[in-house]
Amino acid sequence: GMGKRVFLLRNVHEKAPVLFQTRWAMNYLAGPITRDRIGDLNALAGAEAVTSDKRRVTSGASPTAVTPSPAVANEIAPVDLAPVLPGTATRPKVPGRIAEYFLPQNVRLETALREARRVDPHAKQVGVIYHPILLAQADIRINNKKYDIDQDMLLTCLVESPDERGRVRWDEFTVDGNIDHRDLDRDAEPDAHFGDLERPLTESTAFTSMKKEFTDWAYRETEITLHAHEELGVYGDPGMSLADFKLKTRAAAQAKIAEETAAQATKFERTLESIQKKLRKEEMELEMDKEDLSSRKREEMVKHGETLLGMLGILGRRRSVSGSMSKRRMTSKAKMDVQESEETIMQLERELRTLKSQQEAALVELQSTWMSRAEQTTTIAIQPFKKDITLDLFGVAWLPHFVVDDDGRLTELPAFALA
């Protein structure tokens, strides 16, 4: 298995060879030997072969001492073996042009055990292993003066086992949350093991290509969606709900109604003032016409009386009938002037009532129109400029896992989680 070496040591007292496994390389032999060479090694050492019953130790299982045959059972002491951890104790070398990060072990073992499925909550930790992943994080700024937006955001992808050709579907590896430089570890945990570093994480050219693809993808996929009402010139803030935005548009519509109401009132006031001015003039003329009519009537009555008395010879000489008729005509004209003034006043009063009705109707229509328009909201999407996208983190990140002994079975549990 990975990290195992087989060695042959002799029992000091009985000169009998003892076969066992260890997780660390030792320098008693030049290197590992296979099972079929053990007999040759015993012969070289001058020892006879020892037959024993053996139990296979699987990856993650609790080590079991070799059980000797009954003939030598009392002569061989059992050996406690440490579990053989997966991976290698030597961290694979990342090419110099590729950035390297160590994600922190920020999950408690108790939490990892509690959240794991089909794992004994009392399993014991026997080590830590780091697996390499591709970490990509872009810092994106969106600045737009028209919509009063100046916002920075981070877009993070954690890519486990990327395609060896460096082709990544970034949208499948986007995570909720970001990684702060200050939270990264400077190095791995002591005595940790490491998984294999494979293509494309070993090739600088692949990283250069993936950087460009990630930046292009971030540009295409990143946008801020805003609620908007172009006619009112109202725009929501990023993340504002539609209900809150409609409150904002209704307030803007009310302000628009007040503005247009004031403009209409000014227009109506001018028309109203003109009619009222005519009305006052006609009322004055009416009074004058009435006075003239009254005077004419008095004159006509006097003239009629004089004419009648003259005809009767009471006043001496006879009075002309034509003079009396002239007074009547003048009285009739004065009466017509009065009627004309009264009719004009009535017409102006009708115009005033119509104007006020029109003003009230216009106000109702104005309110209805703008409140209806206020509900007709749209959304707009704002994208960043490509020059405003920078790579905040991009490289190989070592992702820590707890290695626990679950009743003889080694299991890896995540030791890192985004906040």
Protein backbone atom coordinates (compact mmCIF):
# COMPACT_ATOMS: atom_id res chain seq x y z
CA GLY A 1 0.00 0.00 0.00
CA MET A 2 1.02 3.69 -0.23
CA GLY A 3 3.63 4.60 2.37
CA LYS A 4 4.21 0.94 3.52
CA ARG A 5 7.58 -0.72 3.74
CA VAL A 6 8.20 -4.37 4.76
CA PHE A 7 11.17 -5.10 7.03
CA LEU A 8 12.70 -8.19 8.68
CA LEU A 9 14.01 -7.98 12.26
CA ARG A 10 15.27 -10.72 14.45
CA ASN A 11 14.07 -11.64 17.93
CA VAL A 12 17.02 -11.01 20.20
CA HIS A 13 16.45 -14.07 22.41
CA GLU A 14 15.21 -16.81 20.13
CA LYS A 15 16.94 -15.77 16.89
CA ALA A 16 13.57 -16.10 15.17
CA PRO A 17 12.66 -13.59 12.46
CA VAL A 18 9.59 -11.38 13.03
CA LEU A 19 7.67 -9.88 10.06
CA PHE A 20 5.72 -6.65 10.54
CA GLN A 21 4.53 -3.44 8.80
CA THR A 22 5.30 0.17 9.68
CA ARG A 23 4.07 3.53 8.27
CA TRP A 24 7.47 5.16 8.12
CA ALA A 25 10.51 4.21 6.03
CA MET A 26 13.47 2.80 8.04
CA ASN A 27 17.07 2.43 7.10
CA TYR A 28 17.65 -1.18 8.16
CA LEU A 29 17.28 -2.28 4.56
CA ALA A 30 18.14 -0.69 1.28
CA GLY A 31 14.49 -0.57 0.31
CA PRO A 32 11.18 -2.44 0.33
CA ILE A 33 11.03 -6.12 -0.56
CA THR A 34 8.22 -8.19 -1.95
CA ARG A 35 6.63 -11.16 -0.23
CA ASP A 36 8.29 -13.68 -2.55
CA ARG A 37 11.77 -12.41 -1.52
CA ILE A 38 11.27 -12.91 2.24
CA GLY A 39 12.45 -16.53 2.04
CA ASP A 40 15.68 -15.45 0.35
CA LEU A 41 16.23 -12.83 3.02
CA ASN A 42 15.70 -15.38 5.81
CA ALA A 43 18.13 -17.73 4.16
CA LEU A 44 20.68 -14.92 3.90
CA ALA A 45 20.22 -14.18 7.60
CA GLY A 46 20.60 -17.86 8.53
CA ALA A 47 17.11 -18.06 10.01
CA GLU A 48 14.43 -20.60 9.39
CA ALA A 49 11.10 -19.51 8.03
CA VAL A 50 8.40 -18.94 10.60
CA THR A 51 4.88 -19.97 9.68
CA SER A 52 2.15 -17.86 11.15
CA ASP A 53 -1.49 -17.01 10.68
CA LYS A 54 -1.97 -13.50 9.32
CA ARG A 55 -4.89 -11.05 9.12
CA ARG A 56 -4.97 -8.50 6.32
CA VAL A 57 -4.91 -4.82 7.38
CA THR A 58 -7.11 -2.69 5.10
CA SER A 59 -6.72 1.04 4.58
CA GLY A 60 -8.02 2.77 7.66
CA ALA A 61 -8.44 -0.41 9.68
CA SER A 62 -6.99 -0.81 13.15
CA PRO A 63 -3.64 -2.60 12.81
CA THR A 64 -3.51 -6.18 14.05
CA ALA A 65 -0.41 -7.93 15.38
CA VAL A 66 0.81 -10.97 13.51
CA THR A 67 -0.47 -14.20 15.13
CA PRO A 68 2.32 -16.82 15.27
CA SER A 69 1.85 -20.55 15.08
CA PRO A 70 1.25 -22.37 18.37
CA ALA A 71 4.80 -23.61 18.41
CA VAL A 72 6.21 -20.17 18.85
CA ALA A 73 3.19 -18.30 20.27
CA ASN A 74 4.85 -17.66 23.61
CA GLU A 75 8.07 -16.52 22.02
CA ILE A 76 6.79 -13.59 19.91
CA ALA A 77 5.35 -10.43 21.47
CA PRO A 78 2.39 -8.76 19.67
CA VAL A 79 3.13 -5.49 17.89
CA ASP A 80 0.68 -2.50 17.88
CA LEU A 81 0.69 -0.93 14.43
CA ALA A 82 -0.23 2.70 13.67
CA PRO A 83 -2.82 3.20 10.90
CA VAL A 84 -1.42 3.86 7.49
CA LEU A 85 -2.58 7.33 6.42
CA PRO A 86 -3.50 7.98 2.80
CA GLY A 87 -1.39 10.28 0.69
CA THR A 88 2.24 11.17 1.28
CA ALA A 89 4.05 13.00 4.06
CA THR A 90 5.92 15.09 1.50
CA ARG A 91 3.97 17.95 -0.05
CA PRO A 92 4.03 17.84 -3.86
CA LYS A 93 5.88 20.75 -5.39
CA VAL A 94 3.74 23.41 -7.06
CA PRO A 95 5.37 25.03 -10.13
CA GLY A 96 6.98 28.35 -9.26
CA ARG A 97 4.70 30.50 -11.46
CA ILE A 98 1.57 29.11 -9.80
CA ALA A 99 0.35 30.66 -6.55
CA GLU A 100 -0.09 28.30 -3.57
CA TYR A 101 -2.51 28.75 -0.67
CA PHE A 102 -3.33 26.85 2.53
CA LEU A 103 -6.96 26.93 3.51
CA PRO A 104 -7.42 27.07 7.28
CA GLN A 105 -8.65 24.21 9.42
CA ASN A 106 -11.64 26.18 10.71
CA VAL A 107 -14.09 23.31 11.39
CA ARG A 108 -14.09 21.56 14.76
CA LEU A 109 -13.70 17.79 14.69
CA GLU A 110 -16.89 17.41 16.74
CA THR A 111 -18.79 19.43 14.13
CA ALA A 112 -17.37 17.40 11.24
CA LEU A 113 -18.33 14.14 12.97
CA ARG A 114 -21.82 15.39 13.78
CA GLU A 115 -22.47 16.45 10.18
CA ALA A 116 -20.98 13.33 8.62
CA ARG A 117 -23.24 10.49 7.55
CA ARG A 118 -22.70 6.88 8.54
CA VAL A 119 -19.69 7.77 10.68
CA ASP A 120 -19.39 6.92 14.37
CA PRO A 121 -19.58 10.26 16.28
CA HIS A 122 -16.92 8.88 18.62
CA ALA A 123 -14.44 8.09 15.85
CA LYS A 124 -10.87 9.14 16.68
CA GLN A 125 -8.76 11.47 14.60
CA VAL A 126 -5.57 9.87 13.40
CA GLY A 127 -4.25 12.58 11.12
CA VAL A 128 -4.85 15.40 8.62
CA ILE A 129 -4.65 15.21 4.85
CA TYR A 130 -4.67 18.08 2.35
CA HIS A 131 -6.07 17.71 -1.14
CA PRO A 132 -5.22 20.20 -3.91
CA ILE A 133 -8.00 22.22 -5.52
CA LEU A 134 -8.11 25.17 -7.87
CA LEU A 135 -8.98 28.40 -6.06
CA ALA A 136 -10.23 31.29 -8.22
CA GLN A 137 -11.49 34.57 -6.77
CA ALA A 138 -12.13 37.77 -8.71
CA ASP A 139 -12.50 41.28 -7.30
CA ILE A 140 -15.15 43.06 -9.39
CA ARG A 141 -16.04 46.74 -9.22
CA ILE A 142 -19.19 48.19 -10.78
CA ASN A 143 -19.26 51.98 -11.02
CA ASN A 144 -22.14 53.76 -12.71
CA LYS A 145 -22.86 57.43 -12.03
CA LYS A 146 -26.25 57.46 -13.76
CA TYR A 147 -27.63 54.88 -11.35
CA ASP A 148 -25.53 56.08 -8.41
CA ILE A 149 -23.75 52.75 -8.01
CA ASP A 150 -20.20 52.22 -6.78
CA GLN A 151 -19.94 48.64 -5.54
CA ASP A 152 -17.20 46.04 -5.06
CA MET A 153 -17.90 42.34 -4.99
CA LEU A 154 -15.97 39.08 -4.89
CA LEU A 155 -16.74 36.06 -7.07
CA THR A 156 -15.27 32.79 -5.77
CA CYS A 157 -14.94 29.33 -7.30
CA LEU A 158 -13.48 26.23 -5.61
CA VAL A 159 -12.75 23.61 -8.27
CA GLU A 160 -12.05 20.09 -7.06
CA SER A 161 -10.47 17.71 -9.55
CA PRO A 162 -10.51 20.05 -12.57
CA ASP A 163 -10.45 18.55 -16.03
CA GLU A 164 -6.86 17.68 -16.96
CA ARG A 165 -7.17 19.80 -20.10
CA GLY A 166 -7.96 22.84 -17.96
CA ARG A 167 -11.55 23.19 -19.13
CA VAL A 168 -13.74 24.39 -16.28
CA ARG A 169 -17.47 25.07 -16.13
CA TRP A 170 -17.06 27.86 -13.62
CA ASP A 171 -20.76 28.25 -12.88
CA GLU A 172 -20.79 24.72 -11.43
CA PHE A 173 -18.11 25.59 -8.85
CA THR A 174 -19.31 29.00 -7.65
CA VAL A 175 -19.61 29.12 -3.86
CA ASP A 176 -21.55 31.30 -1.47
CA GLY A 177 -19.02 33.25 0.53
CA ASN A 178 -15.53 34.56 -0.06
CA ILE A 179 -12.01 33.94 1.19
CA ASP A 180 -10.10 36.66 3.00
CA HIS A 181 -6.32 36.77 2.54
CA ARG A 182 -5.95 37.20 6.28
CA ASP A 183 -7.72 33.89 6.95
CA LEU A 184 -5.29 31.80 4.91
CA ASP A 185 -2.66 29.76 6.73
CA ARG A 186 1.03 30.23 6.09
CA ASP A 187 1.71 26.49 5.98
CA ALA A 188 0.08 23.12 6.42
CA GLU A 189 -0.59 21.51 9.79
CA PRO A 190 2.38 19.62 11.27
CA ASP A 191 2.66 15.93 10.32
CA ALA A 192 -0.06 16.33 7.69
CA HIS A 193 -0.27 14.18 4.59
CA PHE A 194 -1.00 15.38 1.06
CA GLY A 195 -2.94 14.09 -1.89
CA ASP A 196 -1.48 13.84 -5.37
CA LEU A 197 -1.02 16.98 -7.45
CA GLU A 198 -2.12 16.22 -10.99
CA ARG A 199 -2.73 17.98 -14.28
CA PRO A 200 -3.72 20.73 -14.93
CA LEU A 201 -2.57 21.95 -11.50
CA THR A 202 1.02 21.10 -12.42
CA GLU A 203 1.20 23.11 -15.64
CA SER A 204 1.85 26.85 -15.78
CA THR A 205 0.50 27.15 -19.33
CA ALA A 206 -2.79 25.59 -18.27
CA PHE A 207 -3.05 28.09 -15.41
CA THR A 208 -2.47 31.00 -17.77
CA SER A 209 -5.30 29.78 -19.99
CA MET A 210 -7.63 29.15 -17.04
CA LYS A 211 -6.94 32.64 -15.66
CA LYS A 212 -8.09 34.24 -18.90
CA GLU A 213 -11.15 32.01 -19.14
CA PHE A 214 -12.10 32.75 -15.53
CA THR A 215 -11.77 36.52 -16.07
CA ASP A 216 -13.87 36.34 -19.25
CA TRP A 217 -16.51 34.26 -17.49
CA ALA A 218 -16.63 36.68 -14.53
CA TYR A 219 -17.17 39.57 -16.97
CA ARG A 220 -20.00 37.79 -18.78
CA GLU A 221 -21.75 36.47 -15.73
CA THR A 222 -21.47 39.37 -13.30
CA GLU A 223 -24.21 41.96 -13.30
CA ILE A 224 -26.27 44.00 -10.89
CA THR A 225 -30.01 44.00 -11.48
CA LEU A 226 -31.93 47.09 -10.43
CA HIS A 227 -35.61 47.99 -10.40
CA ALA A 228 -36.10 51.12 -12.48
CA HIS A 229 -38.69 53.66 -13.59
CA GLU A 230 -37.12 55.62 -16.42
CA GLU A 231 -40.03 58.07 -16.84
CA LEU A 232 -39.89 59.08 -13.18
CA GLY A 233 -36.09 58.85 -13.12
CA VAL A 234 -36.23 56.52 -10.11
CA TYR A 235 -33.78 53.61 -9.63
CA GLY A 236 -33.60 51.08 -6.83
CA ASP A 237 -30.60 50.10 -4.80
CA PRO A 238 -28.94 46.71 -5.38
CA GLY A 239 -30.93 44.08 -3.56
CA MET A 240 -33.99 46.32 -3.00
CA SER A 241 -37.27 44.40 -3.05
CA LEU A 242 -39.97 45.24 -5.58
CA ALA A 243 -42.36 46.23 -2.78
CA ASP A 244 -39.89 48.74 -1.36
CA PHE A 245 -39.11 50.08 -4.82
CA LYS A 246 -42.82 50.66 -5.54
CA LEU A 247 -43.06 52.74 -2.37
CA LYS A 248 -40.24 54.82 -3.80
CA THR A 249 -41.93 55.22 -7.21
CA ARG A 250 -45.26 56.16 -5.62
CA ALA A 251 -43.56 58.88 -3.61
CA ALA A 252 -41.93 60.14 -6.82
CA ALA A 253 -45.32 60.04 -8.57
CA GLN A 254 -46.87 62.12 -5.79
CA ALA A 255 -44.09 64.66 -6.20
CA LYS A 256 -44.78 64.69 -9.96
CA ILE A 257 -48.50 65.18 -9.31
CA ALA A 258 -47.78 68.12 -7.02
CA GLU A 259 -45.48 69.65 -9.62
CA GLU A 260 -47.96 69.33 -12.48
CA THR A 261 -50.86 70.39 -10.27
CA ALA A 262 -49.02 73.60 -9.49
CA ALA A 263 -48.36 74.17 -13.22
CA GLN A 264 -52.03 73.53 -14.07
CA ALA A 265 -53.18 75.76 -11.24
CA THR A 266 -51.10 78.60 -12.65
CA LYS A 267 -52.68 78.12 -16.07
CA PHE A 268 -56.19 77.93 -14.60
CA GLU A 269 -55.57 80.97 -12.43
CA ARG A 270 -54.73 83.05 -15.46
CA THR A 271 -57.90 81.97 -17.25
CA LEU A 272 -59.94 82.36 -14.09
CA GLU A 273 -58.60 85.84 -13.47
CA SER A 274 -59.44 86.85 -17.04
CA ILE A 275 -63.04 85.65 -16.68
CA GLN A 276 -63.43 87.23 -13.28
CA LYS A 277 -62.10 90.53 -14.66
CA LYS A 278 -64.70 90.44 -17.45
CA LEU A 279 -67.34 89.53 -14.92
CA ARG A 280 -66.53 92.47 -12.70
CA LYS A 281 -66.60 94.78 -15.74
CA GLU A 282 -69.97 93.47 -16.84
CA GLU A 283 -71.36 93.78 -13.32
CA MET A 284 -70.28 97.44 -13.27
CA GLU A 285 -71.82 98.02 -16.69
CA LEU A 286 -74.99 96.34 -15.50
CA GLU A 287 -75.26 98.73 -12.60
CA MET A 288 -74.75 101.65 -14.93
CA ASP A 289 -77.28 100.26 -17.39
CA LYS A 290 -79.78 99.81 -14.61
CA GLU A 291 -79.30 103.36 -13.43
CA ASP A 292 -79.61 104.60 -16.99
CA LEU A 293 -82.75 102.52 -17.45
CA SER A 294 -84.23 103.87 -14.28
CA SER A 295 -83.42 107.43 -15.32
CA ARG A 296 -84.87 106.82 -18.76
CA LYS A 297 -88.03 105.48 -17.28
CA ARG A 298 -88.44 108.54 -15.10
CA GLU A 299 -87.80 110.84 -18.05
CA GLU A 300 -90.21 108.85 -20.17
CA MET A 301 -92.93 109.10 -17.54
CA VAL A 302 -92.41 112.83 -17.20
CA LYS A 303 -92.48 113.29 -20.94
CA HIS A 304 -95.58 111.21 -21.30
CA GLY A 305 -97.24 113.26 -18.59
CA GLU A 306 -96.32 116.52 -20.23
CA THR A 307 -97.56 115.33 -23.56
CA LEU A 308 -100.84 114.19 -22.10
CA LEU A 309 -101.40 117.43 -20.23
CA GLY A 310 -100.48 119.42 -23.32
CA MET A 311 -102.99 117.55 -25.33
CA LEU A 312 -105.59 118.38 -22.74
CA GLY A 313 -104.58 122.02 -22.82
CA ILE A 314 -103.68 122.02 -19.20
CA LEU A 315 -100.05 123.10 -19.69
CA GLY A 316 -100.87 125.80 -22.19
CA ARG A 317 -99.28 124.91 -25.47
CA ARG A 318 -99.48 121.46 -26.89
CA ARG A 319 -96.58 119.00 -26.41
CA SER A 320 -95.06 117.01 -29.26
CA VAL A 321 -95.92 113.31 -29.35
CA SER A 322 -92.65 112.56 -31.16
CA GLY A 323 -90.64 113.67 -28.16
CA SER A 324 -92.46 111.18 -26.02
CA MET A 325 -91.73 108.44 -28.52
CA SER A 326 -88.04 109.33 -28.50
CA LYS A 327 -87.91 108.94 -24.75
CA ARG A 328 -89.53 105.53 -25.08
CA ARG A 329 -86.92 104.40 -27.57
CA MET A 330 -84.14 105.53 -25.26
CA THR A 331 -85.75 103.70 -22.36
CA SER A 332 -86.07 100.56 -24.49
CA LYS A 333 -82.40 100.75 -25.46
CA ALA A 334 -81.35 101.13 -21.81
CA LYS A 335 -83.44 98.10 -20.98
CA MET A 336 -81.73 96.08 -23.70
CA ASP A 337 -78.34 97.14 -22.36
CA VAL A 338 -79.33 95.83 -18.97
CA GLN A 339 -80.45 92.51 -20.44
CA GLU A 340 -77.27 92.21 -22.45
CA SER A 341 -75.12 92.83 -19.38
CA GLU A 342 -77.11 90.29 -17.39
CA GLU A 343 -76.73 87.66 -20.11
CA THR A 344 -72.98 88.33 -20.35
CA ILE A 345 -72.65 87.98 -16.59
CA MET A 346 -74.55 84.69 -16.66
CA GLN A 347 -72.26 83.43 -19.45
CA LEU A 348 -69.14 84.39 -17.52
CA GLU A 349 -70.46 82.70 -14.41
CA ARG A 350 -71.06 79.50 -16.42
CA GLU A 351 -67.49 79.72 -17.73
CA LEU A 352 -66.22 80.05 -14.16
CA ARG A 353 -68.14 76.95 -13.07
CA THR A 354 -66.94 75.01 -16.12
CA LEU A 355 -63.36 76.09 -15.51
CA LYS A 356 -63.49 74.93 -11.89
CA SER A 357 -64.98 71.59 -12.94
CA GLN A 358 -62.27 71.17 -15.55
CA GLN A 359 -59.62 71.95 -12.97
CA GLU A 360 -60.99 69.33 -10.56
CA ALA A 361 -61.26 66.73 -13.35
CA ALA A 362 -57.73 67.49 -14.52
CA LEU A 363 -56.42 66.95 -10.99
CA VAL A 364 -58.22 63.60 -10.70
CA GLU A 365 -56.89 62.54 -14.12
CA LEU A 366 -53.41 63.66 -13.19
CA GLN A 367 -53.40 61.62 -10.00
CA SER A 368 -54.84 58.55 -11.70
CA THR A 369 -52.39 58.72 -14.59
CA TRP A 370 -49.25 59.10 -12.50
CA MET A 371 -50.22 56.54 -9.89
CA SER A 372 -50.90 54.06 -12.70
CA ARG A 373 -47.56 54.87 -14.31
CA ALA A 374 -45.80 54.45 -10.98
CA GLU A 375 -46.72 50.74 -11.04
CA GLN A 376 -45.13 50.19 -14.45
CA THR A 377 -41.62 49.36 -13.25
CA THR A 378 -38.86 47.64 -15.19
CA THR A 379 -35.49 46.10 -14.37
CA ILE A 380 -32.10 46.96 -15.78
CA ALA A 381 -28.87 44.96 -15.69
CA ILE A 382 -25.56 46.72 -15.12
CA GLN A 383 -22.31 44.94 -15.98
CA PRO A 384 -18.78 45.87 -14.98
CA PHE A 385 -16.13 47.07 -17.37
CA LYS A 386 -13.58 44.38 -18.11
CA LYS A 387 -10.80 46.64 -16.84
CA ASP A 388 -12.53 46.66 -13.42
CA ILE A 389 -12.09 42.88 -12.95
CA THR A 390 -8.92 41.78 -11.15
CA LEU A 391 -7.85 38.37 -9.91
CA ASP A 392 -7.77 38.46 -6.14
CA LEU A 393 -6.75 34.80 -5.68
CA PHE A 394 -5.88 32.24 -8.34
CA GLY A 395 -3.79 29.14 -7.75
CA VAL A 396 -3.50 25.79 -6.01
CA ALA A 397 -5.20 25.71 -2.63
CA TRP A 398 -4.59 22.89 -0.17
CA LEU A 399 -7.92 21.84 1.32
CA PRO A 400 -7.63 20.19 4.80
CA HIS A 401 -9.53 17.07 5.87
CA PHE A 402 -9.62 15.17 9.15
CA VAL A 403 -8.63 11.52 8.87
CA VAL A 404 -10.60 9.52 11.46
CA ASP A 405 -10.54 5.87 12.44
CA ASP A 406 -14.14 4.71 12.20
CA ASP A 407 -14.04 1.20 13.65
CA GLY A 408 -11.02 0.22 11.61
CA ARG A 409 -12.04 2.16 8.51
CA LEU A 410 -10.21 5.39 7.69
CA THR A 411 -12.56 8.18 6.65
CA GLU A 412 -11.86 11.78 5.57
CA LEU A 413 -14.05 14.60 6.86
CA PRO A 414 -13.93 18.24 5.67
CA ALA A 415 -11.94 20.48 8.02
CA PHE A 416 -12.60 23.73 6.16
CA ALA A 417 -15.81 25.61 5.46
CA LEU A 418 -16.62 29.05 4.12
CA ALA A 419 -18.17 31.37 6.69
